[in-house]
Amino acid sequence: MALKRKITGGLLAIIGFMLSPLSWWNDAFINLPIALVFAWIVSAPFGEELKAKVFQAAVIVGYWLTNVLGFVLLHKGVSQVISRDGPAPANNLRRDILISIAYTLLIVVLIRFGVLKPFAAYFPTHN
């Protein structure tokens, strides 16, 4: 039973680490694509007038949700792996929040310059 708990905890910790802002590469390859898909789905039912605003808000919300989910899974996984008597892992929460804010600002800039946009906007239709 302890081995199963440690394996499950290890998998949760790996997934959590990949979603959290603790590595330099995960936002570009994991969090941002998930946030984009989330924003495409959320903004799809809205008309053209609201689509861009809803899209921007949904990208930011989706990005933050992936980070929060990452921290939760990482904490839960590590808690399952370490022994009850072991030291709790130390997180630099302030640094993590600053990194998340910096990436959020980058996402806003990319949206403002049209690099990131609603899915349909990548394929304009000619009437």
N, C-alpha and C. Protein backbone atom coordinates (compact mmCIF):
# COMPACT_ATOMS: atom_id res chain seq x y z
N MET A 1 0.82 -1.19 0.00
CA MET A 1 0.00 0.00 0.00
C MET A 1 0.86 1.26 0.00
N ALA A 2 1.95 1.26 0.75
CA ALA A 2 2.83 2.43 0.80
C ALA A 2 3.48 2.68 -0.56
N LEU A 3 3.84 1.62 -1.27
CA LEU A 3 4.46 1.78 -2.59
C LEU A 3 3.46 2.40 -3.57
N LYS A 4 2.22 1.93 -3.54
CA LYS A 4 1.20 2.49 -4.42
C LYS A 4 0.99 3.97 -4.11
N ARG A 5 0.96 4.34 -2.82
CA ARG A 5 0.78 5.72 -2.41
C ARG A 5 1.94 6.57 -2.90
N LYS A 6 3.15 6.06 -2.82
CA LYS A 6 4.34 6.80 -3.26
C LYS A 6 4.36 6.96 -4.79
N ILE A 7 3.96 5.92 -5.51
CA ILE A 7 3.92 6.02 -6.98
C ILE A 7 2.85 7.02 -7.41
N THR A 8 1.67 6.91 -6.80
CA THR A 8 0.59 7.86 -7.12
C THR A 8 1.02 9.28 -6.77
N GLY A 9 1.60 9.44 -5.60
CA GLY A 9 2.08 10.76 -5.18
C GLY A 9 3.15 11.29 -6.12
N GLY A 10 4.04 10.42 -6.56
CA GLY A 10 5.09 10.83 -7.50
C GLY A 10 4.52 11.31 -8.82
N LEU A 11 3.52 10.58 -9.33
CA LEU A 11 2.88 11.00 -10.58
C LEU A 11 2.16 12.34 -10.42
N LEU A 12 1.45 12.50 -9.31
CA LEU A 12 0.78 13.78 -9.05
C LEU A 12 1.79 14.92 -8.95
N ALA A 13 2.91 14.65 -8.29
CA ALA A 13 3.94 15.68 -8.14
C ALA A 13 4.54 16.06 -9.49
N ILE A 14 4.76 15.09 -10.36
CA ILE A 14 5.32 15.37 -11.69
C ILE A 14 4.34 16.20 -12.50
N ILE A 15 3.07 15.80 -12.50
CA ILE A 15 2.07 16.58 -13.24
C ILE A 15 1.95 17.98 -12.65
N GLY A 16 1.93 18.07 -11.32
CA GLY A 16 1.85 19.37 -10.66
C GLY A 16 3.04 20.25 -10.99
N PHE A 17 4.24 19.67 -11.01
CA PHE A 17 5.44 20.44 -11.36
C PHE A 17 5.35 20.96 -12.78
N MET A 18 4.85 20.11 -13.68
CA MET A 18 4.75 20.52 -15.08
C MET A 18 3.72 21.63 -15.28
N LEU A 19 2.70 21.68 -14.44
CA LEU A 19 1.70 22.74 -14.54
C LEU A 19 2.08 24.00 -13.75
N SER A 20 2.91 23.84 -12.75
CA SER A 20 3.27 24.98 -11.91
C SER A 20 4.31 25.86 -12.60
N PRO A 21 4.46 27.10 -12.15
CA PRO A 21 5.46 27.99 -12.76
C PRO A 21 6.87 27.78 -12.19
N LEU A 22 7.18 26.60 -11.70
CA LEU A 22 8.47 26.36 -11.08
C LEU A 22 9.57 26.02 -12.08
N SER A 23 9.22 25.78 -13.33
CA SER A 23 10.25 25.54 -14.35
C SER A 23 10.10 26.60 -15.42
N TRP A 24 11.17 26.91 -16.08
CA TRP A 24 11.18 28.02 -17.05
C TRP A 24 10.47 27.68 -18.35
N TRP A 25 10.35 26.43 -18.69
CA TRP A 25 9.84 26.03 -20.01
C TRP A 25 8.37 25.67 -20.03
N ASN A 26 7.78 25.35 -18.88
CA ASN A 26 6.45 24.77 -18.88
C ASN A 26 5.36 25.73 -19.37
N ASP A 27 5.51 27.02 -19.13
CA ASP A 27 4.47 27.95 -19.56
C ASP A 27 4.31 27.96 -21.07
N ALA A 28 5.41 27.99 -21.78
CA ALA A 28 5.35 28.05 -23.24
C ALA A 28 4.80 26.75 -23.85
N PHE A 29 5.13 25.62 -23.25
CA PHE A 29 4.79 24.34 -23.87
C PHE A 29 3.59 23.63 -23.24
N ILE A 30 3.19 24.03 -22.04
CA ILE A 30 2.09 23.33 -21.37
C ILE A 30 0.98 24.30 -20.97
N ASN A 31 1.29 25.26 -20.10
CA ASN A 31 0.25 26.13 -19.55
C ASN A 31 -0.40 27.03 -20.59
N LEU A 32 0.38 27.67 -21.42
CA LEU A 32 -0.20 28.57 -22.42
C LEU A 32 -1.07 27.82 -23.43
N PRO A 33 -0.63 26.67 -23.96
CA PRO A 33 -1.53 25.93 -24.86
C PRO A 33 -2.84 25.51 -24.17
N ILE A 34 -2.76 25.08 -22.92
CA ILE A 34 -3.98 24.72 -22.19
C ILE A 34 -4.86 25.96 -22.00
N ALA A 35 -4.25 27.09 -21.65
CA ALA A 35 -5.01 28.33 -21.46
C ALA A 35 -5.64 28.79 -22.78
N LEU A 36 -4.92 28.62 -23.89
CA LEU A 36 -5.48 28.99 -25.19
C LEU A 36 -6.69 28.15 -25.55
N VAL A 37 -6.58 26.85 -25.37
CA VAL A 37 -7.72 25.96 -25.66
C VAL A 37 -8.90 26.33 -24.76
N PHE A 38 -8.61 26.57 -23.49
CA PHE A 38 -9.65 26.99 -22.55
C PHE A 38 -10.32 28.27 -23.05
N ALA A 39 -9.52 29.25 -23.49
CA ALA A 39 -10.07 30.53 -23.96
C ALA A 39 -10.85 30.36 -25.26
N TRP A 40 -10.37 29.51 -26.16
CA TRP A 40 -11.11 29.26 -27.40
C TRP A 40 -12.49 28.70 -27.09
N ILE A 41 -12.54 27.75 -26.16
CA ILE A 41 -13.82 27.12 -25.80
C ILE A 41 -14.74 28.13 -25.11
N VAL A 42 -14.19 28.88 -24.17
CA VAL A 42 -15.00 29.84 -23.42
C VAL A 42 -15.51 30.96 -24.32
N SER A 43 -14.68 31.46 -25.23
CA SER A 43 -15.06 32.60 -26.07
C SER A 43 -15.86 32.20 -27.31
N ALA A 44 -15.91 30.94 -27.65
CA ALA A 44 -16.58 30.49 -28.88
C ALA A 44 -18.04 30.90 -28.99
N PRO A 45 -18.85 30.79 -27.95
CA PRO A 45 -20.26 31.13 -28.12
C PRO A 45 -20.57 32.63 -28.20
N PHE A 46 -19.60 33.48 -27.95
CA PHE A 46 -19.85 34.91 -27.93
C PHE A 46 -19.78 35.50 -29.33
N GLY A 47 -20.51 36.59 -29.53
CA GLY A 47 -20.48 37.30 -30.81
C GLY A 47 -19.15 38.01 -30.99
N GLU A 48 -18.93 38.49 -32.20
CA GLU A 48 -17.65 39.10 -32.55
C GLU A 48 -17.30 40.29 -31.67
N GLU A 49 -18.30 41.03 -31.23
CA GLU A 49 -18.04 42.22 -30.41
C GLU A 49 -17.45 41.86 -29.06
N LEU A 50 -17.90 40.78 -28.46
CA LEU A 50 -17.43 40.38 -27.13
C LEU A 50 -16.33 39.34 -27.18
N LYS A 51 -16.19 38.64 -28.30
CA LYS A 51 -15.27 37.51 -28.38
C LYS A 51 -13.85 37.87 -27.94
N ALA A 52 -13.31 38.99 -28.42
CA ALA A 52 -11.93 39.36 -28.10
C ALA A 52 -11.76 39.65 -26.62
N LYS A 53 -12.72 40.33 -26.01
CA LYS A 53 -12.62 40.64 -24.58
C LYS A 53 -12.74 39.39 -23.73
N VAL A 54 -13.70 38.54 -24.08
CA VAL A 54 -13.88 37.29 -23.34
C VAL A 54 -12.65 36.40 -23.52
N PHE A 55 -12.11 36.38 -24.75
CA PHE A 55 -10.92 35.58 -25.03
C PHE A 55 -9.76 36.01 -24.14
N GLN A 56 -9.50 37.31 -24.08
CA GLN A 56 -8.38 37.81 -23.27
C GLN A 56 -8.55 37.43 -21.81
N ALA A 57 -9.72 37.65 -21.27
CA ALA A 57 -9.97 37.30 -19.88
C ALA A 57 -9.84 35.80 -19.65
N ALA A 58 -10.34 35.01 -20.59
CA ALA A 58 -10.29 33.55 -20.44
C ALA A 58 -8.88 33.01 -20.53
N VAL A 59 -8.02 33.61 -21.37
CA VAL A 59 -6.62 33.17 -21.42
C VAL A 59 -5.96 33.39 -20.07
N ILE A 60 -6.19 34.55 -19.49
CA ILE A 60 -5.57 34.87 -18.20
C ILE A 60 -6.12 33.95 -17.11
N VAL A 61 -7.43 33.77 -17.07
CA VAL A 61 -8.03 32.88 -16.07
C VAL A 61 -7.54 31.45 -16.28
N GLY A 62 -7.50 30.99 -17.52
CA GLY A 62 -7.02 29.64 -17.81
C GLY A 62 -5.56 29.45 -17.40
N TYR A 63 -4.74 30.46 -17.67
CA TYR A 63 -3.32 30.39 -17.29
C TYR A 63 -3.18 30.30 -15.77
N TRP A 64 -3.88 31.16 -15.05
CA TRP A 64 -3.79 31.14 -13.59
C TRP A 64 -4.34 29.83 -13.03
N LEU A 65 -5.41 29.30 -13.62
CA LEU A 65 -5.95 28.03 -13.15
C LEU A 65 -4.95 26.89 -13.31
N THR A 66 -4.21 26.88 -14.43
CA THR A 66 -3.21 25.83 -14.62
C THR A 66 -2.11 25.94 -13.57
N ASN A 67 -1.72 27.16 -13.23
CA ASN A 67 -0.69 27.34 -12.20
C ASN A 67 -1.19 26.92 -10.82
N VAL A 68 -2.40 27.32 -10.48
CA VAL A 68 -2.96 26.94 -9.18
C VAL A 68 -3.13 25.42 -9.11
N LEU A 69 -3.67 24.83 -10.17
CA LEU A 69 -3.81 23.38 -10.21
C LEU A 69 -2.44 22.70 -10.06
N GLY A 70 -1.44 23.27 -10.71
CA GLY A 70 -0.09 22.72 -10.60
C GLY A 70 0.42 22.72 -9.17
N PHE A 71 0.24 23.84 -8.48
CA PHE A 71 0.69 23.90 -7.08
C PHE A 71 -0.08 22.93 -6.20
N VAL A 72 -1.38 22.82 -6.42
CA VAL A 72 -2.20 21.90 -5.62
C VAL A 72 -1.75 20.46 -5.84
N LEU A 73 -1.60 20.07 -7.11
CA LEU A 73 -1.17 18.69 -7.41
C LEU A 73 0.24 18.42 -6.90
N LEU A 74 1.14 19.40 -7.04
CA LEU A 74 2.50 19.24 -6.55
C LEU A 74 2.50 19.04 -5.04
N HIS A 75 1.76 19.85 -4.34
CA HIS A 75 1.69 19.74 -2.88
C HIS A 75 1.10 18.40 -2.46
N LYS A 76 0.00 18.02 -3.10
CA LYS A 76 -0.64 16.74 -2.76
C LYS A 76 0.30 15.56 -3.07
N GLY A 77 0.96 15.61 -4.21
CA GLY A 77 1.87 14.52 -4.58
C GLY A 77 3.05 14.41 -3.65
N VAL A 78 3.67 15.53 -3.34
CA VAL A 78 4.83 15.52 -2.45
C VAL A 78 4.41 15.06 -1.06
N SER A 79 3.23 15.51 -0.63
CA SER A 79 2.73 15.09 0.69
C SER A 79 2.56 13.58 0.75
N GLN A 80 2.13 12.96 -0.34
CA GLN A 80 1.96 11.51 -0.37
C GLN A 80 3.29 10.78 -0.38
N VAL A 81 4.30 11.39 -1.01
CA VAL A 81 5.59 10.72 -1.16
C VAL A 81 6.43 10.79 0.11
N ILE A 82 6.48 11.97 0.74
CA ILE A 82 7.36 12.11 1.91
C ILE A 82 6.73 11.45 3.12
N SER A 83 7.57 11.09 4.03
CA SER A 83 7.06 10.46 5.24
C SER A 83 6.42 11.52 6.13
N ARG A 84 5.60 11.07 7.05
CA ARG A 84 4.92 12.01 7.95
C ARG A 84 5.90 12.76 8.83
N ASP A 85 7.02 12.16 9.11
CA ASP A 85 8.02 12.80 9.97
C ASP A 85 8.99 13.66 9.19
N GLY A 86 8.93 13.59 7.85
CA GLY A 86 9.88 14.32 7.03
C GLY A 86 9.57 15.81 6.99
N PRO A 87 10.55 16.60 6.61
CA PRO A 87 10.32 18.04 6.54
C PRO A 87 9.39 18.39 5.38
N ALA A 88 8.58 19.41 5.57
CA ALA A 88 7.70 19.88 4.51
C ALA A 88 8.53 20.61 3.46
N PRO A 89 8.18 20.46 2.19
CA PRO A 89 8.95 21.15 1.17
C PRO A 89 8.77 22.66 1.28
N ALA A 90 9.85 23.40 1.13
CA ALA A 90 9.80 24.86 1.22
C ALA A 90 9.54 25.45 -0.15
N ASN A 91 8.52 26.28 -0.26
CA ASN A 91 8.20 26.96 -1.52
C ASN A 91 8.44 28.44 -1.34
N ASN A 92 9.00 29.04 -2.34
CA ASN A 92 9.17 30.47 -2.32
C ASN A 92 7.93 31.08 -2.98
N LEU A 93 6.88 31.24 -2.21
CA LEU A 93 5.59 31.68 -2.73
C LEU A 93 5.69 33.06 -3.38
N ARG A 94 6.44 33.94 -2.78
CA ARG A 94 6.58 35.29 -3.34
C ARG A 94 7.18 35.25 -4.74
N ARG A 95 8.22 34.47 -4.92
CA ARG A 95 8.86 34.34 -6.23
C ARG A 95 7.90 33.72 -7.24
N ASP A 96 7.16 32.71 -6.81
CA ASP A 96 6.22 32.04 -7.70
C ASP A 96 5.11 32.99 -8.15
N ILE A 97 4.63 33.81 -7.24
CA ILE A 97 3.59 34.78 -7.59
C ILE A 97 4.14 35.81 -8.56
N LEU A 98 5.35 36.30 -8.33
CA LEU A 98 5.96 37.28 -9.25
C LEU A 98 6.16 36.69 -10.64
N ILE A 99 6.57 35.44 -10.72
CA ILE A 99 6.74 34.78 -12.02
C ILE A 99 5.39 34.67 -12.72
N SER A 100 4.36 34.29 -11.99
CA SER A 100 3.02 34.18 -12.59
C SER A 100 2.53 35.53 -13.09
N ILE A 101 2.79 36.59 -12.34
CA ILE A 101 2.38 37.93 -12.77
C ILE A 101 3.15 38.34 -14.02
N ALA A 102 4.46 38.04 -14.07
CA ALA A 102 5.26 38.38 -15.25
C ALA A 102 4.75 37.65 -16.49
N TYR A 103 4.46 36.38 -16.36
CA TYR A 103 3.92 35.63 -17.50
C TYR A 103 2.54 36.15 -17.90
N THR A 104 1.75 36.55 -16.92
CA THR A 104 0.43 37.11 -17.22
C THR A 104 0.58 38.39 -18.03
N LEU A 105 1.50 39.25 -17.62
CA LEU A 105 1.75 40.49 -18.38
C LEU A 105 2.21 40.17 -19.79
N LEU A 106 3.07 39.17 -19.94
CA LEU A 106 3.52 38.76 -21.27
C LEU A 106 2.34 38.29 -22.12
N ILE A 107 1.44 37.52 -21.54
CA ILE A 107 0.26 37.04 -22.26
C ILE A 107 -0.61 38.21 -22.70
N VAL A 108 -0.80 39.19 -21.82
CA VAL A 108 -1.60 40.37 -22.18
C VAL A 108 -0.95 41.11 -23.34
N VAL A 109 0.36 41.29 -23.31
CA VAL A 109 1.06 41.96 -24.41
C VAL A 109 0.90 41.18 -25.71
N LEU A 110 1.06 39.85 -25.66
CA LEU A 110 0.91 39.03 -26.86
C LEU A 110 -0.51 39.12 -27.42
N ILE A 111 -1.50 39.21 -26.56
CA ILE A 111 -2.88 39.36 -27.02
C ILE A 111 -3.06 40.74 -27.65
N ARG A 112 -2.54 41.77 -26.99
CA ARG A 112 -2.70 43.15 -27.49
C ARG A 112 -2.06 43.34 -28.86
N PHE A 113 -0.94 42.64 -29.12
CA PHE A 113 -0.27 42.76 -30.42
C PHE A 113 -0.78 41.76 -31.44
N GLY A 114 -1.79 40.96 -31.07
CA GLY A 114 -2.42 40.06 -32.01
C GLY A 114 -1.69 38.76 -32.25
N VAL A 115 -0.68 38.46 -31.44
CA VAL A 115 0.02 37.18 -31.58
C VAL A 115 -0.89 36.05 -31.11
N LEU A 116 -1.57 36.27 -30.00
CA LEU A 116 -2.55 35.32 -29.48
C LEU A 116 -3.92 35.93 -29.70
N LYS A 117 -4.83 35.15 -30.26
CA LYS A 117 -6.18 35.65 -30.56
C LYS A 117 -7.16 34.49 -30.60
N PRO A 118 -8.45 34.80 -30.64
CA PRO A 118 -9.43 33.72 -30.73
C PRO A 118 -9.15 32.82 -31.93
N PHE A 119 -9.47 31.57 -31.81
CA PHE A 119 -9.12 30.56 -32.81
C PHE A 119 -9.57 30.96 -34.21
N ALA A 120 -10.80 31.40 -34.36
CA ALA A 120 -11.34 31.75 -35.69
C ALA A 120 -10.57 32.91 -36.31
N ALA A 121 -9.98 33.77 -35.51
CA ALA A 121 -9.25 34.93 -36.03
C ALA A 121 -7.95 34.52 -36.75
N TYR A 122 -7.47 33.32 -36.50
CA TYR A 122 -6.29 32.82 -37.22
C TYR A 122 -6.63 32.46 -38.67
N PHE A 123 -7.91 32.23 -38.92
CA PHE A 123 -8.39 31.80 -40.24
C PHE A 123 -9.48 32.75 -40.72
N PRO A 124 -9.12 33.97 -41.11
CA PRO A 124 -10.16 34.92 -41.52
C PRO A 124 -10.88 34.44 -42.77
N THR A 125 -12.17 34.68 -42.80
CA THR A 125 -12.96 34.30 -43.96
C THR A 125 -13.11 35.51 -44.86
N HIS A 126 -13.06 35.26 -46.15
CA HIS A 126 -13.21 36.34 -47.13
C HIS A 126 -14.61 36.25 -47.71
N ASN A 127 -15.38 37.32 -47.58
CA ASN A 127 -16.76 37.33 -48.07
C ASN A 127 -16.85 37.97 -49.42
